[in-house]
Amino acid sequence: MTRELSFTPRTGLSRPLGGLVALVYPVVLVALAIQTGFGRDAGLDELAASFLAALLVLIAEPTAWLFSFDFIDAGRFTILFVGGLTSSPLWYLAGRAIAAASSRWTEWVRRYTFLCLAWTTLNLVVFSIVAWLAG
């Protein structure tokens, strides 16, 4: 069995940079959630805004659902901070993987956009099914 080895440096996208750029989507969603009303108590007129903000946080920080257990009493800051700490590596690794599979930044952006749209759509479908089941 023969292998063709090449000692020329690999050209292409920077994987660490791809991982860092992948953090843009969750950071934007969390910023929108904070601005929308996640950081304040909701009155009757702000109920929809608070619900939308909570959905944005759950899409941006997929590990934040851990705080739904009854024995964990966490405040908003704790949910955002710990959810961000535990979810950021997932987004970073996804961006690195896309950078490893892409040869140009336009290809990376196309794949990352598809990933973000698919993730958001999947979450909205799951939320809709849970809301339908709950009545």
N, C-alpha and C. Protein backbone atom coordinates (compact mmCIF):
# COMPACT_ATOMS: atom_id res chain seq x y z
N MET A 1 0.85 -1.16 0.00
CA MET A 1 0.00 0.00 0.00
C MET A 1 0.90 1.23 0.00
N THR A 2 0.61 2.12 -0.88
CA THR A 2 1.40 3.35 -0.96
C THR A 2 0.53 4.54 -0.57
N ARG A 3 1.17 5.48 0.03
CA ARG A 3 0.50 6.72 0.41
C ARG A 3 1.24 7.88 -0.21
N GLU A 4 0.47 8.81 -0.67
CA GLU A 4 1.08 10.02 -1.20
C GLU A 4 1.06 11.06 -0.11
N LEU A 5 2.23 11.39 0.39
CA LEU A 5 2.34 12.39 1.43
C LEU A 5 2.78 13.70 0.83
N SER A 6 2.19 14.75 1.31
CA SER A 6 2.56 16.08 0.85
C SER A 6 2.97 16.89 2.06
N PHE A 7 4.13 17.49 1.97
CA PHE A 7 4.63 18.30 3.07
C PHE A 7 4.44 19.79 2.82
N THR A 8 3.66 20.12 1.82
CA THR A 8 3.36 21.52 1.57
C THR A 8 2.32 21.98 2.58
N PRO A 9 2.42 23.22 3.02
CA PRO A 9 1.45 23.68 4.01
C PRO A 9 0.04 23.72 3.43
N ARG A 10 -0.92 23.40 4.28
CA ARG A 10 -2.31 23.36 3.86
C ARG A 10 -2.81 24.79 3.70
N THR A 11 -3.41 25.05 2.58
CA THR A 11 -4.01 26.36 2.37
C THR A 11 -5.50 26.23 2.58
N GLY A 12 -6.11 27.28 2.92
CA GLY A 12 -7.55 27.26 3.15
C GLY A 12 -7.91 28.20 4.27
N LEU A 13 -9.02 27.92 4.88
CA LEU A 13 -9.53 28.79 5.92
C LEU A 13 -8.88 28.50 7.26
N SER A 14 -8.77 29.54 8.04
CA SER A 14 -8.26 29.40 9.40
C SER A 14 -9.36 28.80 10.27
N ARG A 15 -9.08 27.65 10.86
CA ARG A 15 -10.09 26.99 11.69
C ARG A 15 -10.42 27.78 12.95
N PRO A 16 -9.42 28.30 13.68
CA PRO A 16 -9.78 29.11 14.86
C PRO A 16 -10.59 30.36 14.50
N LEU A 17 -10.27 30.99 13.39
CA LEU A 17 -11.03 32.16 12.98
C LEU A 17 -12.46 31.78 12.59
N GLY A 18 -12.62 30.64 11.94
CA GLY A 18 -13.96 30.15 11.62
C GLY A 18 -14.77 29.88 12.87
N GLY A 19 -14.12 29.35 13.90
CA GLY A 19 -14.81 29.11 15.16
C GLY A 19 -15.22 30.41 15.85
N LEU A 20 -14.34 31.40 15.82
CA LEU A 20 -14.67 32.68 16.45
C LEU A 20 -15.78 33.41 15.70
N VAL A 21 -15.75 33.37 14.38
CA VAL A 21 -16.80 34.03 13.60
C VAL A 21 -18.14 33.33 13.82
N ALA A 22 -18.12 32.04 14.11
CA ALA A 22 -19.36 31.30 14.33
C ALA A 22 -20.07 31.74 15.61
N LEU A 23 -19.39 32.44 16.48
CA LEU A 23 -20.01 32.91 17.71
C LEU A 23 -20.89 34.15 17.50
N VAL A 24 -20.89 34.69 16.29
CA VAL A 24 -21.65 35.91 16.00
C VAL A 24 -23.16 35.66 16.15
N TYR A 25 -23.67 34.58 15.59
CA TYR A 25 -25.11 34.30 15.62
C TYR A 25 -25.64 34.17 17.05
N PRO A 26 -25.03 33.35 17.91
CA PRO A 26 -25.58 33.28 19.27
C PRO A 26 -25.43 34.59 20.05
N VAL A 27 -24.36 35.33 19.82
CA VAL A 27 -24.19 36.60 20.53
C VAL A 27 -25.26 37.59 20.10
N VAL A 28 -25.56 37.63 18.81
CA VAL A 28 -26.61 38.53 18.31
C VAL A 28 -27.97 38.14 18.88
N LEU A 29 -28.26 36.84 18.93
CA LEU A 29 -29.54 36.40 19.49
C LEU A 29 -29.67 36.74 20.97
N VAL A 30 -28.61 36.55 21.73
CA VAL A 30 -28.66 36.88 23.15
C VAL A 30 -28.80 38.40 23.33
N ALA A 31 -28.10 39.18 22.52
CA ALA A 31 -28.24 40.64 22.61
C ALA A 31 -29.67 41.07 22.28
N LEU A 32 -30.27 40.46 21.28
CA LEU A 32 -31.67 40.76 20.96
C LEU A 32 -32.60 40.35 22.09
N ALA A 33 -32.30 39.22 22.72
CA ALA A 33 -33.13 38.76 23.84
C ALA A 33 -33.05 39.71 25.01
N ILE A 34 -31.87 40.19 25.31
CA ILE A 34 -31.71 41.12 26.43
C ILE A 34 -32.43 42.43 26.12
N GLN A 35 -32.31 42.89 24.88
CA GLN A 35 -32.96 44.13 24.48
C GLN A 35 -34.48 43.98 24.43
N THR A 36 -34.95 42.79 24.05
CA THR A 36 -36.38 42.56 23.89
C THR A 36 -37.12 42.54 25.22
N GLY A 37 -36.51 42.02 26.25
CA GLY A 37 -37.22 42.02 27.51
C GLY A 37 -36.88 40.86 28.41
N PHE A 38 -35.84 40.13 28.11
CA PHE A 38 -35.46 39.02 28.97
C PHE A 38 -34.95 39.52 30.31
N GLY A 39 -34.42 40.70 30.34
CA GLY A 39 -33.80 41.20 31.55
C GLY A 39 -34.73 41.92 32.50
N ARG A 40 -36.03 41.97 32.21
CA ARG A 40 -36.95 42.67 33.11
C ARG A 40 -38.19 41.83 33.33
N ASP A 41 -38.92 42.18 34.37
CA ASP A 41 -40.16 41.47 34.66
C ASP A 41 -41.22 41.87 33.64
N ALA A 42 -42.00 40.90 33.24
CA ALA A 42 -42.99 41.14 32.20
C ALA A 42 -44.34 41.47 32.81
N GLY A 43 -44.92 42.51 32.32
CA GLY A 43 -46.31 42.81 32.64
C GLY A 43 -47.18 42.14 31.60
N LEU A 44 -48.45 42.42 31.64
CA LEU A 44 -49.35 41.81 30.66
C LEU A 44 -49.03 42.25 29.24
N ASP A 45 -48.61 43.50 29.08
CA ASP A 45 -48.31 44.00 27.74
C ASP A 45 -46.95 43.52 27.23
N GLU A 46 -46.09 43.07 28.11
CA GLU A 46 -44.76 42.62 27.70
C GLU A 46 -44.61 41.10 27.71
N LEU A 47 -45.70 40.39 27.84
CA LEU A 47 -45.64 38.93 27.92
C LEU A 47 -45.10 38.32 26.62
N ALA A 48 -45.58 38.81 25.49
CA ALA A 48 -45.11 38.26 24.21
C ALA A 48 -43.63 38.56 23.99
N ALA A 49 -43.20 39.74 24.38
CA ALA A 49 -41.78 40.10 24.22
C ALA A 49 -40.91 39.23 25.11
N SER A 50 -41.34 38.96 26.31
CA SER A 50 -40.57 38.10 27.21
C SER A 50 -40.53 36.67 26.71
N PHE A 51 -41.63 36.20 26.16
CA PHE A 51 -41.67 34.85 25.60
C PHE A 51 -40.73 34.73 24.40
N LEU A 52 -40.76 35.74 23.53
CA LEU A 52 -39.86 35.75 22.37
C LEU A 52 -38.41 35.80 22.82
N ALA A 53 -38.11 36.59 23.84
CA ALA A 53 -36.74 36.68 24.34
C ALA A 53 -36.27 35.35 24.90
N ALA A 54 -37.14 34.63 25.61
CA ALA A 54 -36.77 33.32 26.13
C ALA A 54 -36.51 32.33 25.00
N LEU A 55 -37.30 32.39 23.94
CA LEU A 55 -37.06 31.52 22.78
C LEU A 55 -35.72 31.84 22.12
N LEU A 56 -35.40 33.13 22.00
CA LEU A 56 -34.11 33.51 21.41
C LEU A 56 -32.95 32.97 22.23
N VAL A 57 -33.07 33.04 23.55
CA VAL A 57 -32.00 32.53 24.41
C VAL A 57 -31.86 31.02 24.25
N LEU A 58 -32.98 30.31 24.18
CA LEU A 58 -32.91 28.85 24.03
C LEU A 58 -32.34 28.45 22.68
N ILE A 59 -32.58 29.24 21.64
CA ILE A 59 -31.98 28.94 20.33
C ILE A 59 -30.48 29.23 20.36
N ALA A 60 -30.10 30.35 20.97
CA ALA A 60 -28.68 30.73 21.01
C ALA A 60 -27.87 29.88 21.97
N GLU A 61 -28.49 29.48 23.07
CA GLU A 61 -27.78 28.72 24.10
C GLU A 61 -28.51 27.39 24.31
N PRO A 62 -28.19 26.39 23.51
CA PRO A 62 -28.92 25.12 23.60
C PRO A 62 -28.74 24.39 24.93
N THR A 63 -27.77 24.76 25.72
CA THR A 63 -27.60 24.09 27.02
C THR A 63 -28.36 24.79 28.14
N ALA A 64 -29.05 25.89 27.85
CA ALA A 64 -29.77 26.62 28.89
C ALA A 64 -30.99 25.86 29.40
N TRP A 65 -31.45 24.86 28.67
CA TRP A 65 -32.60 24.06 29.13
C TRP A 65 -32.29 23.31 30.42
N LEU A 66 -31.03 23.15 30.75
CA LEU A 66 -30.65 22.47 32.00
C LEU A 66 -31.22 23.17 33.23
N PHE A 67 -31.49 24.46 33.10
CA PHE A 67 -32.01 25.22 34.23
C PHE A 67 -33.51 25.02 34.42
N SER A 68 -34.12 24.18 33.63
CA SER A 68 -35.56 23.94 33.78
C SER A 68 -35.86 22.93 34.89
N PHE A 69 -34.85 22.28 35.42
CA PHE A 69 -35.07 21.33 36.51
C PHE A 69 -35.49 22.08 37.78
N ASP A 70 -36.37 21.48 38.55
CA ASP A 70 -36.92 22.14 39.73
C ASP A 70 -35.89 22.40 40.81
N PHE A 71 -34.89 21.54 40.94
CA PHE A 71 -33.93 21.71 42.03
C PHE A 71 -32.87 22.77 41.72
N ILE A 72 -32.89 23.35 40.54
CA ILE A 72 -31.96 24.41 40.19
C ILE A 72 -32.72 25.73 40.24
N ASP A 73 -32.34 26.59 41.15
CA ASP A 73 -32.97 27.90 41.28
C ASP A 73 -31.98 28.93 40.78
N ALA A 74 -32.14 29.32 39.53
CA ALA A 74 -31.19 30.22 38.89
C ALA A 74 -31.90 31.49 38.45
N GLY A 75 -31.17 32.58 38.54
CA GLY A 75 -31.69 33.86 38.08
C GLY A 75 -31.38 34.06 36.60
N ARG A 76 -31.82 35.18 36.08
CA ARG A 76 -31.63 35.46 34.64
C ARG A 76 -30.15 35.56 34.29
N PHE A 77 -29.39 36.27 35.13
CA PHE A 77 -27.97 36.43 34.85
C PHE A 77 -27.26 35.08 34.84
N THR A 78 -27.59 34.22 35.78
CA THR A 78 -26.96 32.90 35.85
C THR A 78 -27.29 32.08 34.61
N ILE A 79 -28.53 32.13 34.18
CA ILE A 79 -28.94 31.39 33.00
C ILE A 79 -28.18 31.88 31.77
N LEU A 80 -28.10 33.19 31.60
CA LEU A 80 -27.38 33.74 30.44
C LEU A 80 -25.89 33.44 30.51
N PHE A 81 -25.29 33.62 31.68
CA PHE A 81 -23.84 33.44 31.82
C PHE A 81 -23.43 31.99 31.67
N VAL A 82 -24.04 31.11 32.44
CA VAL A 82 -23.66 29.69 32.39
C VAL A 82 -24.10 29.07 31.07
N GLY A 83 -25.27 29.45 30.56
CA GLY A 83 -25.70 28.97 29.25
C GLY A 83 -24.74 29.40 28.15
N GLY A 84 -24.25 30.63 28.25
CA GLY A 84 -23.26 31.11 27.28
C GLY A 84 -21.93 30.38 27.39
N LEU A 85 -21.50 30.13 28.62
CA LEU A 85 -20.23 29.41 28.82
C LEU A 85 -20.30 27.97 28.30
N THR A 86 -21.44 27.33 28.46
CA THR A 86 -21.55 25.93 28.05
C THR A 86 -21.95 25.78 26.59
N SER A 87 -22.55 26.80 25.99
CA SER A 87 -22.97 26.70 24.59
C SER A 87 -21.94 27.25 23.61
N SER A 88 -21.13 28.18 24.06
CA SER A 88 -20.12 28.77 23.17
C SER A 88 -19.17 27.74 22.56
N PRO A 89 -18.69 26.75 23.32
CA PRO A 89 -17.83 25.75 22.68
C PRO A 89 -18.53 24.97 21.57
N LEU A 90 -19.83 24.74 21.71
CA LEU A 90 -20.56 24.04 20.64
C LEU A 90 -20.57 24.85 19.36
N TRP A 91 -20.86 26.14 19.46
CA TRP A 91 -20.87 27.00 18.28
C TRP A 91 -19.46 27.15 17.71
N TYR A 92 -18.46 27.27 18.59
CA TYR A 92 -17.07 27.39 18.14
C TYR A 92 -16.64 26.15 17.37
N LEU A 93 -16.94 24.98 17.91
CA LEU A 93 -16.56 23.73 17.23
C LEU A 93 -17.30 23.56 15.91
N ALA A 94 -18.54 24.01 15.86
CA ALA A 94 -19.28 23.95 14.59
C ALA A 94 -18.62 24.86 13.55
N GLY A 95 -18.21 26.05 13.96
CA GLY A 95 -17.53 26.96 13.03
C GLY A 95 -16.19 26.42 12.57
N ARG A 96 -15.46 25.77 13.48
CA ARG A 96 -14.18 25.14 13.09
C ARG A 96 -14.40 24.01 12.10
N ALA A 97 -15.43 23.20 12.33
CA ALA A 97 -15.71 22.09 11.43
C ALA A 97 -16.11 22.58 10.05
N ILE A 98 -16.89 23.63 10.01
CA ILE A 98 -17.28 24.20 8.71
C ILE A 98 -16.06 24.79 8.02
N ALA A 99 -15.16 25.44 8.77
CA ALA A 99 -13.94 26.00 8.17
C ALA A 99 -13.03 24.90 7.64
N ALA A 100 -13.00 23.77 8.32
CA ALA A 100 -12.16 22.66 7.85
C ALA A 100 -12.71 22.07 6.55
N ALA A 101 -14.02 22.13 6.38
CA ALA A 101 -14.63 21.55 5.18
C ALA A 101 -14.78 22.55 4.05
N SER A 102 -14.47 23.82 4.29
CA SER A 102 -14.66 24.86 3.28
C SER A 102 -13.31 25.31 2.73
N SER A 103 -13.35 25.71 1.47
CA SER A 103 -12.11 26.20 0.85
C SER A 103 -12.11 27.72 0.70
N ARG A 104 -13.28 28.34 0.75
CA ARG A 104 -13.39 29.80 0.62
C ARG A 104 -14.37 30.31 1.68
N TRP A 105 -14.24 31.60 2.01
CA TRP A 105 -15.12 32.17 3.02
C TRP A 105 -16.56 32.24 2.54
N THR A 106 -16.77 32.42 1.25
CA THR A 106 -18.15 32.44 0.75
C THR A 106 -18.82 31.08 0.96
N GLU A 107 -18.04 30.03 0.79
CA GLU A 107 -18.57 28.69 1.05
C GLU A 107 -18.84 28.50 2.54
N TRP A 108 -17.95 29.02 3.40
CA TRP A 108 -18.16 28.93 4.84
C TRP A 108 -19.43 29.66 5.25
N VAL A 109 -19.63 30.87 4.72
CA VAL A 109 -20.81 31.66 5.06
C VAL A 109 -22.08 30.94 4.61
N ARG A 110 -22.05 30.35 3.43
CA ARG A 110 -23.22 29.62 2.92
C ARG A 110 -23.54 28.44 3.83
N ARG A 111 -22.54 27.67 4.22
CA ARG A 111 -22.76 26.51 5.09
C ARG A 111 -23.18 26.93 6.49
N TYR A 112 -22.58 27.98 7.00
CA TYR A 112 -22.93 28.46 8.33
C TYR A 112 -24.36 29.02 8.35
N THR A 113 -24.73 29.75 7.31
CA THR A 113 -26.11 30.25 7.21
C THR A 113 -27.10 29.11 7.17
N PHE A 114 -26.79 28.07 6.40
CA PHE A 114 -27.67 26.90 6.36
C PHE A 114 -27.76 26.25 7.74
N LEU A 115 -26.64 26.12 8.45
CA LEU A 115 -26.65 25.54 9.79
C LEU A 115 -27.51 26.36 10.74
N CYS A 116 -27.37 27.68 10.71
CA CYS A 116 -28.15 28.54 11.61
C CYS A 116 -29.64 28.48 11.28
N LEU A 117 -29.97 28.49 9.99
CA LEU A 117 -31.38 28.39 9.60
C LEU A 117 -31.97 27.04 9.98
N ALA A 118 -31.22 25.97 9.76
CA ALA A 118 -31.70 24.63 10.11
C ALA A 118 -31.87 24.51 11.62
N TRP A 119 -30.93 25.03 12.40
CA TRP A 119 -31.02 24.96 13.86
C TRP A 119 -32.22 25.76 14.38
N THR A 120 -32.42 26.95 13.84
CA THR A 120 -33.54 27.79 14.25
C THR A 120 -34.87 27.14 13.87
N THR A 121 -34.96 26.62 12.67
CA THR A 121 -36.19 25.96 12.21
C THR A 121 -36.49 24.74 13.06
N LEU A 122 -35.49 23.94 13.33
CA LEU A 122 -35.69 22.75 14.17
C LEU A 122 -36.20 23.14 15.55
N ASN A 123 -35.62 24.17 16.15
CA ASN A 123 -36.08 24.62 17.47
C ASN A 123 -37.51 25.13 17.43
N LEU A 124 -37.85 25.89 16.41
CA LEU A 124 -39.22 26.41 16.31
C LEU A 124 -40.23 25.29 16.10
N VAL A 125 -39.86 24.27 15.33
CA VAL A 125 -40.75 23.12 15.14
C VAL A 125 -40.94 22.38 16.46
N VAL A 126 -39.85 22.17 17.19
CA VAL A 126 -39.96 21.48 18.48
C VAL A 126 -40.80 22.30 19.46
N PHE A 127 -40.58 23.62 19.52
CA PHE A 127 -41.38 24.47 20.40
C PHE A 127 -42.86 24.42 20.01
N SER A 128 -43.14 24.40 18.72
CA SER A 128 -44.53 24.33 18.26
C SER A 128 -45.17 23.01 18.64
N ILE A 129 -44.44 21.92 18.50
CA ILE A 129 -44.98 20.60 18.87
C ILE A 129 -45.23 20.53 20.37
N VAL A 130 -44.31 21.05 21.17
CA VAL A 130 -44.50 21.05 22.63
C VAL A 130 -45.70 21.92 23.00
N ALA A 131 -45.84 23.09 22.36
CA ALA A 131 -46.98 23.95 22.65
C ALA A 131 -48.30 23.29 22.23
N TRP A 132 -48.28 22.59 21.13
CA TRP A 132 -49.48 21.89 20.66
C TRP A 132 -49.85 20.76 21.62
N LEU A 133 -48.86 20.02 22.09
CA LEU A 133 -49.12 18.93 23.03
C LEU A 133 -49.59 19.45 24.39
N ALA A 134 -49.05 20.60 24.80
CA ALA A 134 -49.44 21.16 26.09
C ALA A 134 -50.85 21.76 26.05
N GLY A 135 -51.31 22.07 24.85
CA GLY A 135 -52.68 22.58 24.70
C GLY A 135 -52.68 24.03 24.75
